[in-house]
């Protein structure tokens, strides 16, 4: 198994953090367009699933953009 360098771990951490922030910002601005029921704390609902999807898409776009360099 190949050892992982600390800079690559830091880059992955920053990418994940940016994806979470960008995904949540996009969800915040677009949530009113989705007819989702009200969120109940500590329960999985469609709002959380949609928010996770936004974050996953943001992460994928960041990874694609980094590969184009």
C-alpha atoms as a PDB file:
ATOM      1  CA  UNK A   1       0.000   0.000   0.000  1.00  0.00           C
ATOM      2  CA  UNK A   2       1.380   3.380  -1.032  1.00  0.00           C
ATOM      3  CA  UNK A   3       1.720   5.960   1.791  1.00  0.00           C
ATOM      4  CA  UNK A   4      -0.369   9.101   1.486  1.00  0.00           C
ATOM      5  CA  UNK A   5       1.405  12.435   1.686  1.00  0.00           C
ATOM      6  CA  UNK A   6       0.132  15.093   4.077  1.00  0.00           C
ATOM      7  CA  UNK A   7      -0.347  17.745   1.352  1.00  0.00           C
ATOM      8  CA  UNK A   8      -2.712  15.456  -0.585  1.00  0.00           C
ATOM      9  CA  UNK A   9      -4.744  14.798   2.566  1.00  0.00           C
ATOM     10  CA  UNK A  10      -4.990  18.544   3.189  1.00  0.00           C
ATOM     11  CA  UNK A  11      -6.078  19.145  -0.420  1.00  0.00           C
ATOM     12  CA  UNK A  12      -8.800  16.494  -0.096  1.00  0.00           C
ATOM     13  CA  UNK A  13      -9.958  18.030   3.172  1.00  0.00           C
ATOM     14  CA  UNK A  14     -10.187  21.508   1.627  1.00  0.00           C
ATOM     15  CA  UNK A  15     -12.035  20.115  -1.410  1.00  0.00           C
ATOM     16  CA  UNK A  16     -14.549  18.337   0.815  1.00  0.00           C
ATOM     17  CA  UNK A  17     -15.055  21.433   2.964  1.00  0.00           C
ATOM     18  CA  UNK A  18     -15.617  23.617  -0.113  1.00  0.00           C
ATOM     19  CA  UNK A  19     -18.075  21.059  -1.509  1.00  0.00           C
ATOM     20  CA  UNK A  20     -20.060  21.055   1.734  1.00  0.00           C
ATOM     21  CA  UNK A  21     -20.187  24.848   1.885  1.00  0.00           C
ATOM     22  CA  UNK A  22     -21.063  25.260  -1.811  1.00  0.00           C
ATOM     23  CA  UNK A  23     -23.642  22.466  -1.689  1.00  0.00           C
ATOM     24  CA  UNK A  24     -25.348  23.930   1.357  1.00  0.00           C
ATOM     25  CA  UNK A  25     -25.359  27.443  -0.132  1.00  0.00           C
ATOM     26  CA  UNK A  26     -26.937  26.100  -3.331  1.00  0.00           C
ATOM     27  CA  UNK A  27     -29.491  24.146  -1.307  1.00  0.00           C
ATOM     28  CA  UNK A  28     -30.291  27.196   0.823  1.00  0.00           C
ATOM     29  CA  UNK A  29     -31.039  29.332  -2.238  1.00  0.00           C
ATOM     30  CA  UNK A  30     -32.918  26.634  -4.155  1.00  0.00           C
ATOM     31  CA  UNK A  31     -34.798  24.924  -1.299  1.00  0.00           C
ATOM     32  CA  UNK A  32     -37.864  27.100  -1.740  1.00  0.00           C
ATOM     33  CA  UNK A  33     -38.267  25.697  -5.266  1.00  0.00           C
ATOM     34  CA  UNK A  34     -38.648  22.134  -3.927  1.00  0.00           C
ATOM     35  CA  UNK A  35     -41.954  21.038  -2.399  1.00  0.00           C
ATOM     36  CA  UNK A  36     -40.296  19.284   0.546  1.00  0.00           C
ATOM     37  CA  UNK A  37     -42.008  18.653   3.888  1.00  0.00           C
ATOM     38  CA  UNK A  38     -40.727  20.395   7.012  1.00  0.00           C
ATOM     39  CA  UNK A  39     -37.549  18.974   8.517  1.00  0.00           C
ATOM     40  CA  UNK A  40     -37.777  17.113  11.812  1.00  0.00           C
ATOM     41  CA  UNK A  41     -34.563  17.093  13.878  1.00  0.00           C
ATOM     42  CA  UNK A  42     -32.626  13.812  14.109  1.00  0.00           C
ATOM     43  CA  UNK A  43     -34.642  12.125  11.361  1.00  0.00           C
ATOM     44  CA  UNK A  44     -33.704  11.357   7.779  1.00  0.00           C
ATOM     45  CA  UNK A  45     -35.952  13.140   5.306  1.00  0.00           C
ATOM     46  CA  UNK A  46     -35.959  14.223   1.662  1.00  0.00           C
ATOM     47  CA  UNK A  47     -34.466  17.616   2.497  1.00  0.00           C
ATOM     48  CA  UNK A  48     -31.334  15.955   3.868  1.00  0.00           C
ATOM     49  CA  UNK A  49     -31.130  13.674   0.847  1.00  0.00           C
ATOM     50  CA  UNK A  50     -31.406  16.621  -1.558  1.00  0.00           C
ATOM     51  CA  UNK A  51     -28.839  18.598   0.476  1.00  0.00           C
ATOM     52  CA  UNK A  52     -26.441  15.633   0.369  1.00  0.00           C
ATOM     53  CA  UNK A  53     -26.954  15.406  -3.401  1.00  0.00           C
ATOM     54  CA  UNK A  54     -26.043  19.081  -3.834  1.00  0.00           C
ATOM     55  CA  UNK A  55     -22.866  18.546  -1.803  1.00  0.00           C
ATOM     56  CA  UNK A  56     -21.955  15.410  -3.774  1.00  0.00           C
ATOM     57  CA  UNK A  57     -22.449  17.243  -7.081  1.00  0.00           C
ATOM     58  CA  UNK A  58     -20.333  20.166  -5.839  1.00  0.00           C
ATOM     59  CA  UNK A  59     -17.586  17.714  -4.820  1.00  0.00           C
ATOM     60  CA  UNK A  60     -17.704  16.037  -8.225  1.00  0.00           C
ATOM     61  CA  UNK A  61     -17.474  19.392 -10.009  1.00  0.00           C
ATOM     62  CA  UNK A  62     -14.500  20.424  -7.859  1.00  0.00           C
ATOM     63  CA  UNK A  63     -12.706  17.142  -8.625  1.00  0.00           C
ATOM     64  CA  UNK A  64     -13.372  17.518 -12.365  1.00  0.00           C
ATOM     65  CA  UNK A  65     -12.149  21.125 -12.327  1.00  0.00           C
ATOM     66  CA  UNK A  66      -8.923  20.079 -10.547  1.00  0.00           C
ATOM     67  CA  UNK A  67      -8.229  17.378 -13.143  1.00  0.00           C
ATOM     68  CA  UNK A  68      -8.524  19.917 -16.007  1.00  0.00           C
ATOM     69  CA  UNK A  69      -5.526  21.854 -14.687  1.00  0.00           C
END
